[in-house]
Amino acid sequence: MILAFCSKSYMVQIILIVKTFFKIMCYVVPPIIIIATIIGFTKPVIDGKEEDLKESGKLLVRRLIAGLLIMFIPTIINFVFTSLVDGSDVEFLACFESASKEKVASLKEKEKNEEELKKKAQEVEDKKILEEAYKKEQKQKNNQKKMFEEQKKKREEEKRRQQQQQQQGGGLPGSSELVSTSKPGVSIKSFNASGGSIKYWEITPTNVKSNLPLIIFLHGSGETGSVNGVGRLPIVSYVANQWDRENKPFIFLAPVASSHGWGDKVRLVKGLIDSTVSQYNVDTSHIIITGMSMGGYGTWTMLSHYGSFFSAAVPMSGCSSSYGPNNMTGLPIRAIVGGRESGTKECMANLVKKINNAGGNARLDVKEGATHGTIQPYYKSEELFNWMLSQ
């Protein structure tokens, strides 16, 4: 490698090799000659032969002279070789002398650098392997997380579907019969079930079509047991006489409680709703429930049992601190209360807040100046019915 480094001809390289050989011999041969001479000189002394001692002395002198001459051979050879090569070859010889030491150091440095490069390459390879293993592990974790989320979503969807199926039933099975008819599309009927019966007002367009929305109204305590009393309420008279039922059609039900309270009648009311849905092929994505006073309590109660069944709810002036947001977060709720109904207003405001904090969609409309006895006329509002039908 040194010869290649100095970049000279093969002739010069051969001369250099010969020179190196003789140089080595000149360092090795003289010590051998001197040692052999000393041994040859001491032997006659030991044997006591004086004639041999003289010859050995002469031989010793000759060998010492020969050894000294041999030691000068490199200088002689160097002079001869210098005369055989040109100036550039002399430079080559000098190059070789210096390059030998430099090359050794260079080779050591190169070897060190190669080791460092190999070590760095191994570190990079190890890092790459670790990164690939980490990526693979993260991918597996992400896949497991995705699979878990998909399974969770399927379970939630299945649970929701089962709840909807339960809520689409859940009412007492029964049948309706016509009690009386006061005008086209306005009827008083009776729903009879194994667990009881209930009379109700039914208002429909004169030309009933399928896939219509359904609105259910629950009356207050003052109309308990009174079919005619319910029929005179603002919301019932508004739907029957003022609402454009032909161009903005929907099915309207107003059941009449035979005793105080709606809490023990939720299954009966739900059975009436299920029967009406089947009879008229109602649009189940647009079923709205509303109620006033005792009917406001009843509306909250129906939501707590069948919240996801309804598309919207409008409880008016009825509330209890026992209600929670369960089953009430999946539909828009518009609670209406009079500004002068202090206790009820505070209760409804707290309940609306609970629903919204749980992720629901509820709002409170406070009708300033209205009392519990003057709030019902707000049902005679086209804006309110348009809102209910748009949900």
Protein backbone atom coordinates (compact mmCIF):
# COMPACT_ATOMS: atom_id res chain seq x y z
CA MET A 1 0.00 0.00 0.00
CA ILE A 2 2.93 2.29 0.72
CA LEU A 3 4.41 1.57 -2.75
CA ALA A 4 1.08 2.45 -4.33
CA PHE A 5 0.95 5.54 -2.19
CA CYS A 6 4.30 6.73 -3.54
CA SER A 7 3.19 5.85 -7.11
CA LYS A 8 6.53 4.84 -8.82
CA SER A 9 7.69 2.23 -11.32
CA TYR A 10 8.17 -1.48 -10.61
CA MET A 11 11.98 -1.12 -11.16
CA VAL A 12 12.29 1.37 -8.35
CA GLN A 13 10.11 -0.79 -6.16
CA ILE A 14 12.41 -3.81 -6.81
CA ILE A 15 15.50 -1.74 -5.98
CA LEU A 16 13.84 -0.60 -2.80
CA ILE A 17 13.06 -4.17 -1.80
CA VAL A 18 16.69 -5.29 -2.43
CA LYS A 19 17.97 -2.35 -0.42
CA THR A 20 15.70 -3.20 2.46
CA PHE A 21 16.88 -6.85 2.37
CA PHE A 22 20.57 -5.90 2.55
CA LYS A 23 19.87 -3.38 5.28
CA ILE A 24 18.29 -6.06 7.37
CA MET A 25 21.23 -8.45 6.71
CA CYS A 26 23.71 -5.76 7.69
CA TYR A 27 22.06 -5.45 11.09
CA VAL A 28 21.79 -9.20 11.63
CA VAL A 29 25.11 -10.61 10.21
CA PRO A 30 27.71 -8.51 12.17
CA PRO A 31 26.44 -9.58 15.61
CA ILE A 32 26.52 -13.18 14.41
CA ILE A 33 30.13 -12.81 13.20
CA ILE A 34 31.24 -11.11 16.44
CA ILE A 35 29.58 -13.77 18.62
CA ALA A 36 31.12 -16.57 16.51
CA THR A 37 34.60 -14.89 16.72
CA ILE A 38 34.45 -14.53 20.50
CA ILE A 39 33.47 -18.17 20.84
CA GLY A 40 36.29 -19.24 18.48
CA PHE A 41 38.83 -17.12 20.39
CA THR A 42 37.91 -18.38 23.82
CA LYS A 43 38.04 -22.07 22.89
CA PRO A 44 41.90 -22.27 22.50
CA VAL A 45 42.28 -20.40 25.79
CA ILE A 46 40.17 -22.97 27.47
CA ASP A 47 42.00 -25.85 25.73
CA GLY A 48 45.49 -24.31 26.52
CA LYS A 49 46.73 -24.43 22.92
CA GLU A 50 48.86 -21.33 22.34
CA GLU A 51 49.35 -21.95 18.60
CA ASP A 52 45.65 -22.04 18.12
CA LEU A 53 45.35 -18.91 20.22
CA LYS A 54 47.51 -16.95 17.79
CA GLU A 55 45.46 -18.15 14.84
CA SER A 56 42.29 -17.32 16.69
CA GLY A 57 43.58 -13.79 17.37
CA LYS A 58 44.25 -13.27 13.69
CA LEU A 59 40.83 -14.69 12.85
CA LEU A 60 39.26 -12.43 15.42
CA VAL A 61 40.84 -9.32 13.87
CA ARG A 62 39.75 -10.40 10.36
CA ARG A 63 36.22 -11.05 11.49
CA LEU A 64 35.99 -7.73 13.36
CA ILE A 65 37.17 -5.93 10.26
CA ALA A 66 34.65 -7.93 8.17
CA GLY A 67 31.82 -7.11 10.61
CA LEU A 68 32.67 -3.40 10.51
CA LEU A 69 32.77 -3.46 6.72
CA ILE A 70 29.41 -5.23 6.59
CA MET A 71 27.93 -2.51 8.80
CA PHE A 72 28.99 0.07 6.21
CA ILE A 73 27.41 -1.86 3.33
CA PRO A 74 23.97 0.02 3.59
CA THR A 75 25.79 3.32 3.11
CA ILE A 76 27.64 1.91 0.10
CA ILE A 77 24.47 0.36 -1.36
CA ASN A 78 22.57 3.58 -0.81
CA PHE A 79 25.24 5.48 -2.71
CA VAL A 80 25.16 2.92 -5.56
CA PHE A 81 21.35 2.90 -5.74
CA THR A 82 21.27 6.69 -5.69
CA SER A 83 23.52 6.74 -8.73
CA LEU A 84 21.25 4.20 -10.50
CA VAL A 85 18.01 6.19 -10.16
CA ASP A 86 17.06 9.69 -11.33
CA GLY A 87 16.04 12.62 -9.19
CA SER A 88 12.34 11.75 -9.11
CA ASP A 89 13.20 8.20 -8.01
CA VAL A 90 15.33 9.60 -5.20
CA GLU A 91 12.29 11.59 -4.18
CA PHE A 92 10.36 8.34 -4.29
CA LEU A 93 12.84 6.70 -1.93
CA ALA A 94 12.46 9.63 0.46
CA CYS A 95 8.74 9.36 0.02
CA PHE A 96 8.89 5.71 0.99
CA GLU A 97 10.98 6.40 4.07
CA SER A 98 8.58 9.04 5.37
CA ALA A 99 5.47 7.35 4.02
CA SER A 100 6.20 4.18 5.92
CA LYS A 101 5.75 5.94 9.27
CA GLU A 102 2.93 8.16 8.04
CA LYS A 103 1.15 5.23 6.43
CA VAL A 104 1.30 3.18 9.58
CA ALA A 105 -0.25 6.06 11.51
CA SER A 106 -2.76 6.59 8.68
CA LEU A 107 -3.68 2.92 8.64
CA LYS A 108 -4.22 2.98 12.40
CA GLU A 109 -6.32 6.13 12.10
CA LYS A 110 -8.28 4.60 9.26
CA GLU A 111 -8.86 1.43 11.25
CA LYS A 112 -10.05 3.53 14.18
CA ASN A 113 -12.36 5.52 11.91
CA GLU A 114 -13.70 2.34 10.38
CA GLU A 115 -14.42 0.97 13.83
CA GLU A 116 -16.21 4.18 14.78
CA LEU A 117 -18.19 4.15 11.53
CA LYS A 118 -19.09 0.51 12.09
CA LYS A 119 -20.16 1.33 15.65
CA LYS A 120 -22.27 4.28 14.48
CA ALA A 121 -23.77 2.18 11.72
CA GLN A 122 -24.67 -0.48 14.30
CA GLU A 123 -26.18 2.19 16.56
CA VAL A 124 -28.23 3.51 13.63
CA GLU A 125 -29.35 -0.01 12.79
CA ASP A 126 -30.27 -0.72 16.42
CA LYS A 127 -32.17 2.58 16.59
CA LYS A 128 -33.97 1.75 13.36
CA ILE A 129 -34.93 -1.67 14.72
CA LEU A 130 -36.21 -0.08 17.94
CA GLU A 131 -38.18 2.54 15.99
CA GLU A 132 -39.73 -0.12 13.77
CA ALA A 133 -40.61 -2.19 16.83
CA TYR A 134 -42.12 0.91 18.49
CA LYS A 135 -44.11 1.77 15.36
CA LYS A 136 -45.32 -1.81 15.12
CA GLU A 137 -46.33 -1.77 18.77
CA GLN A 138 -48.11 1.58 18.35
CA LYS A 139 -49.88 0.28 15.25
CA GLN A 140 -51.04 -2.77 17.19
CA LYS A 141 -52.23 -0.54 20.03
CA ASN A 142 -54.04 1.76 17.58
CA ASN A 143 -55.66 -1.23 15.88
CA GLN A 144 -56.71 -2.61 19.27
CA LYS A 145 -58.04 0.82 20.29
CA LYS A 146 -59.90 1.17 16.99
CA MET A 147 -61.32 -2.34 17.37
CA PHE A 148 -62.35 -1.58 20.95
CA GLU A 149 -64.04 1.69 19.88
CA GLU A 150 -65.84 -0.05 17.04
CA GLN A 151 -67.02 -2.79 19.40
CA LYS A 152 -68.08 -0.16 21.94
CA LYS A 153 -69.95 1.74 19.23
CA LYS A 154 -71.68 -1.46 18.11
CA ARG A 155 -72.64 -2.24 21.69
CA GLU A 156 -74.00 1.29 22.17
CA GLU A 157 -75.91 1.12 18.90
CA GLU A 158 -77.32 -2.27 19.85
CA LYS A 159 -78.29 -0.95 23.29
CA ARG A 160 -79.93 2.11 21.72
CA ARG A 161 -81.75 -0.06 19.20
CA GLN A 162 -82.99 -2.32 21.98
CA GLN A 163 -84.11 0.71 24.00
CA GLN A 164 -85.96 2.08 20.98
CA GLN A 165 -87.59 -1.29 20.42
CA GLN A 166 -88.59 -1.39 24.07
CA GLN A 167 -89.85 2.18 23.95
CA GLN A 168 -91.73 1.63 20.73
CA GLY A 169 -93.58 -0.96 22.77
CA GLY A 170 -93.76 -0.55 26.49
CA GLY A 171 -97.31 0.76 26.45
CA LEU A 172 -100.36 -1.24 27.40
CA PRO A 173 -101.78 -2.99 24.33
CA GLY A 174 -105.36 -2.05 23.51
CA SER A 175 -107.74 -0.66 20.90
CA SER A 176 -109.57 2.62 20.27
CA GLU A 177 -113.24 3.19 19.63
CA LEU A 178 -115.15 6.29 18.58
CA VAL A 179 -117.19 7.93 21.34
CA SER A 180 -118.46 11.03 19.53
CA THR A 181 -117.67 13.37 16.67
CA SER A 182 -118.22 17.10 16.92
CA LYS A 183 -116.80 18.15 13.53
CA PRO A 184 -114.76 16.62 10.67
CA GLY A 185 -111.40 15.44 11.88
CA VAL A 186 -112.24 16.08 15.55
CA SER A 187 -113.21 13.02 17.57
CA ILE A 188 -113.54 11.83 21.15
CA LYS A 189 -112.34 8.26 21.40
CA SER A 190 -111.61 5.68 24.06
CA PHE A 191 -108.50 3.54 24.30
CA ASN A 192 -109.16 0.27 26.05
CA ALA A 193 -106.32 -1.86 27.39
CA SER A 194 -105.96 -4.79 29.75
CA GLY A 195 -104.54 -2.42 32.37
CA GLY A 196 -107.26 0.20 32.04
CA SER A 197 -108.91 2.58 29.60
CA ILE A 198 -108.66 6.25 28.80
CA LYS A 199 -110.72 8.71 26.75
CA TYR A 200 -108.94 11.14 24.49
CA TRP A 201 -109.41 13.86 21.93
CA GLU A 202 -108.10 13.04 18.46
CA ILE A 203 -107.73 15.77 15.85
CA THR A 204 -106.60 14.95 12.31
CA PRO A 205 -106.76 16.47 8.84
CA THR A 206 -109.98 15.56 7.06
CA ASN A 207 -107.84 13.77 4.47
CA VAL A 208 -105.50 11.73 6.66
CA LYS A 209 -102.26 10.73 4.98
CA SER A 210 -99.52 8.41 6.21
CA ASN A 211 -96.18 9.53 7.63
CA LEU A 212 -97.65 12.52 9.52
CA PRO A 213 -96.14 14.00 12.71
CA LEU A 214 -97.84 13.29 16.04
CA ILE A 215 -98.33 15.74 18.95
CA ILE A 216 -99.54 14.51 22.36
CA PHE A 217 -100.88 16.97 24.95
CA LEU A 218 -101.30 16.18 28.68
CA HIS A 219 -103.75 18.46 30.56
CA GLY A 220 -103.55 19.90 34.08
CA SER A 221 -105.27 18.82 37.28
CA GLY A 222 -108.24 21.15 36.75
CA GLU A 223 -109.47 19.07 33.79
CA THR A 224 -109.10 15.65 35.47
CA GLY A 225 -112.02 13.43 34.45
CA SER A 226 -113.59 16.12 32.25
CA VAL A 227 -113.61 15.40 28.51
CA ASN A 228 -115.37 18.68 27.78
CA GLY A 229 -112.99 20.57 30.05
CA VAL A 230 -110.03 19.29 28.03
CA GLY A 231 -111.86 20.17 24.81
CA ARG A 232 -112.18 23.80 25.94
CA LEU A 233 -108.45 24.23 26.63
CA PRO A 234 -106.62 26.81 24.46
CA ILE A 235 -104.35 24.27 22.77
CA VAL A 236 -107.20 21.89 21.83
CA SER A 237 -109.46 24.65 20.50
CA TYR A 238 -106.53 26.20 18.60
CA VAL A 239 -105.66 22.92 16.83
CA ALA A 240 -109.33 22.13 16.11
CA ASN A 241 -110.48 25.58 14.94
CA GLN A 242 -107.56 27.83 14.01
CA TRP A 243 -104.66 25.67 12.84
CA ASP A 244 -104.46 25.02 9.08
CA ARG A 245 -104.75 21.25 9.39
CA GLU A 246 -104.99 20.62 5.66
CA ASN A 247 -101.82 22.48 4.60
CA LYS A 248 -99.83 21.84 7.81
CA PRO A 249 -101.16 18.43 8.79
CA PHE A 250 -100.37 16.40 11.90
CA ILE A 251 -102.16 14.01 14.29
CA PHE A 252 -103.10 15.49 17.67
CA LEU A 253 -103.98 13.50 20.81
CA ALA A 254 -105.23 14.89 24.14
CA PRO A 255 -105.90 12.03 26.59
CA VAL A 256 -108.16 12.69 29.60
CA ALA A 257 -106.93 11.41 32.97
CA SER A 258 -109.70 9.83 35.03
CA SER A 259 -107.82 10.51 38.28
CA HIS A 260 -105.21 12.95 39.51
CA GLY A 261 -101.69 12.62 38.13
CA TRP A 262 -100.03 11.10 35.09
CA GLY A 263 -97.29 9.12 36.84
CA ASP A 264 -99.34 5.93 37.10
CA LYS A 265 -100.69 6.30 33.56
CA VAL A 266 -97.45 6.47 31.53
CA ARG A 267 -97.86 2.93 30.16
CA LEU A 268 -101.49 3.60 29.29
CA VAL A 269 -100.58 6.83 27.47
CA LYS A 270 -97.69 5.05 25.73
CA GLY A 271 -100.09 2.30 24.64
CA LEU A 272 -102.40 4.95 23.17
CA ILE A 273 -99.44 6.46 21.28
CA ASP A 274 -98.30 3.05 19.96
CA SER A 275 -101.86 2.29 18.80
CA THR A 276 -102.13 5.65 16.99
CA VAL A 277 -98.71 5.15 15.36
CA SER A 278 -99.85 1.79 13.98
CA GLN A 279 -103.29 3.06 12.90
CA TYR A 280 -102.12 6.09 10.96
CA ASN A 281 -98.58 4.99 10.05
CA VAL A 282 -97.20 8.02 11.92
CA ASP A 283 -93.74 9.43 11.16
CA THR A 284 -91.90 8.03 14.20
CA SER A 285 -89.10 10.58 13.77
CA HIS A 286 -91.59 13.41 14.53
CA ILE A 287 -93.43 12.53 17.74
CA ILE A 288 -93.72 15.48 20.13
CA ILE A 289 -95.06 15.52 23.68
CA THR A 290 -96.21 18.58 25.65
CA GLY A 291 -98.25 19.27 28.79
CA MET A 292 -99.38 21.99 31.16
CA SER A 293 -99.12 22.05 34.98
CA MET A 294 -99.91 18.47 36.02
CA GLY A 295 -99.38 17.71 32.32
CA GLY A 296 -95.95 19.39 32.61
CA TYR A 297 -95.07 16.89 35.32
CA GLY A 298 -96.49 14.17 33.06
CA THR A 299 -94.32 15.36 30.16
CA TRP A 300 -91.15 15.11 32.28
CA THR A 301 -92.30 11.69 33.49
CA MET A 302 -92.87 10.42 29.94
CA LEU A 303 -89.38 11.68 29.00
CA SER A 304 -87.80 9.90 31.96
CA HIS A 305 -89.35 6.62 30.73
CA TYR A 306 -89.32 7.00 26.93
CA GLY A 307 -87.05 10.00 26.22
CA SER A 308 -85.43 8.74 23.01
CA PHE A 309 -88.84 7.81 21.57
CA PHE A 310 -89.85 11.47 21.18
CA SER A 311 -88.38 13.99 18.76
CA ALA A 312 -89.12 17.04 20.97
CA ALA A 313 -90.85 18.04 24.19
CA VAL A 314 -92.55 21.20 25.52
CA PRO A 315 -93.27 20.96 29.27
CA MET A 316 -95.18 24.01 30.54
CA SER A 317 -95.35 25.20 34.18
CA GLY A 318 -94.68 21.82 35.72
CA CYS A 319 -91.55 20.52 37.45
CA SER A 320 -90.14 18.49 40.31
CA SER A 321 -86.66 18.45 41.85
CA SER A 322 -86.74 14.65 41.71
CA TYR A 323 -86.28 14.63 37.94
CA GLY A 324 -82.81 14.06 36.53
CA PRO A 325 -81.36 14.30 33.03
CA ASN A 326 -81.56 10.55 32.36
CA ASN A 327 -83.20 9.84 28.96
CA MET A 328 -83.64 13.61 28.41
CA THR A 329 -80.41 14.47 26.58
CA GLY A 330 -81.24 13.02 23.16
CA LEU A 331 -83.95 15.47 22.06
CA PRO A 332 -84.60 19.24 22.02
CA ILE A 333 -86.66 20.45 25.00
CA ARG A 334 -88.39 23.83 25.16
CA ALA A 335 -89.62 24.45 28.72
CA ILE A 336 -92.14 27.28 29.15
CA VAL A 337 -92.99 28.98 32.45
CA GLY A 338 -94.61 32.21 33.65
CA GLY A 339 -92.38 34.95 35.01
CA ARG A 340 -94.51 35.12 38.15
CA GLU A 341 -94.29 31.37 38.88
CA SER A 342 -91.25 31.76 41.12
CA GLY A 343 -90.95 28.23 42.57
CA THR A 344 -91.79 26.44 39.33
CA LYS A 345 -89.54 28.78 37.34
CA GLU A 346 -86.56 28.06 39.61
CA CYS A 347 -87.17 24.30 39.45
CA MET A 348 -87.44 24.29 35.65
CA ALA A 349 -84.32 26.46 35.31
CA ASN A 350 -82.33 23.99 37.45
CA LEU A 351 -83.61 21.00 35.50
CA VAL A 352 -82.78 22.63 32.15
CA LYS A 353 -79.28 23.33 33.48
CA LYS A 354 -78.84 19.68 34.55
CA ILE A 355 -79.90 18.46 31.12
CA ASN A 356 -77.51 20.80 29.30
CA ASN A 357 -74.64 19.94 31.65
CA ALA A 358 -75.25 16.29 30.77
CA GLY A 359 -74.87 17.11 27.06
CA GLY A 360 -78.55 17.72 26.28
CA ASN A 361 -80.33 20.45 24.32
CA ALA A 362 -82.83 22.27 26.54
CA ARG A 363 -83.97 25.89 26.80
CA LEU A 364 -86.24 27.82 29.15
CA ASP A 365 -88.77 30.35 27.83
CA VAL A 366 -89.93 32.66 30.60
CA LYS A 367 -93.18 34.50 29.76
CA GLU A 368 -92.83 37.70 31.78
CA GLY A 369 -95.92 38.73 33.73
CA ALA A 370 -97.65 35.38 33.24
CA THR A 371 -98.95 33.41 36.22
CA HIS A 372 -99.88 29.76 36.52
CA GLY A 373 -103.44 30.65 35.58
CA THR A 374 -102.58 32.82 32.58
CA ILE A 375 -99.83 30.81 30.91
CA GLN A 376 -101.94 28.46 28.76
CA PRO A 377 -102.87 30.99 26.03
CA TYR A 378 -99.22 30.85 24.93
CA TYR A 379 -100.12 27.48 23.38
CA LYS A 380 -102.10 29.45 20.77
CA SER A 381 -98.87 30.32 18.95
CA GLU A 382 -98.12 29.43 15.36
CA GLU A 383 -94.42 29.92 16.10
CA LEU A 384 -94.55 27.31 18.88
CA PHE A 385 -96.28 24.73 16.65
CA ASN A 386 -93.90 25.41 13.79
CA TRP A 387 -91.00 24.81 16.21
CA MET A 388 -92.52 21.51 17.43
CA LEU A 389 -93.17 20.26 13.90
CA SER A 390 -89.65 21.21 12.74
CA GLN A 391 -87.94 19.00 15.34
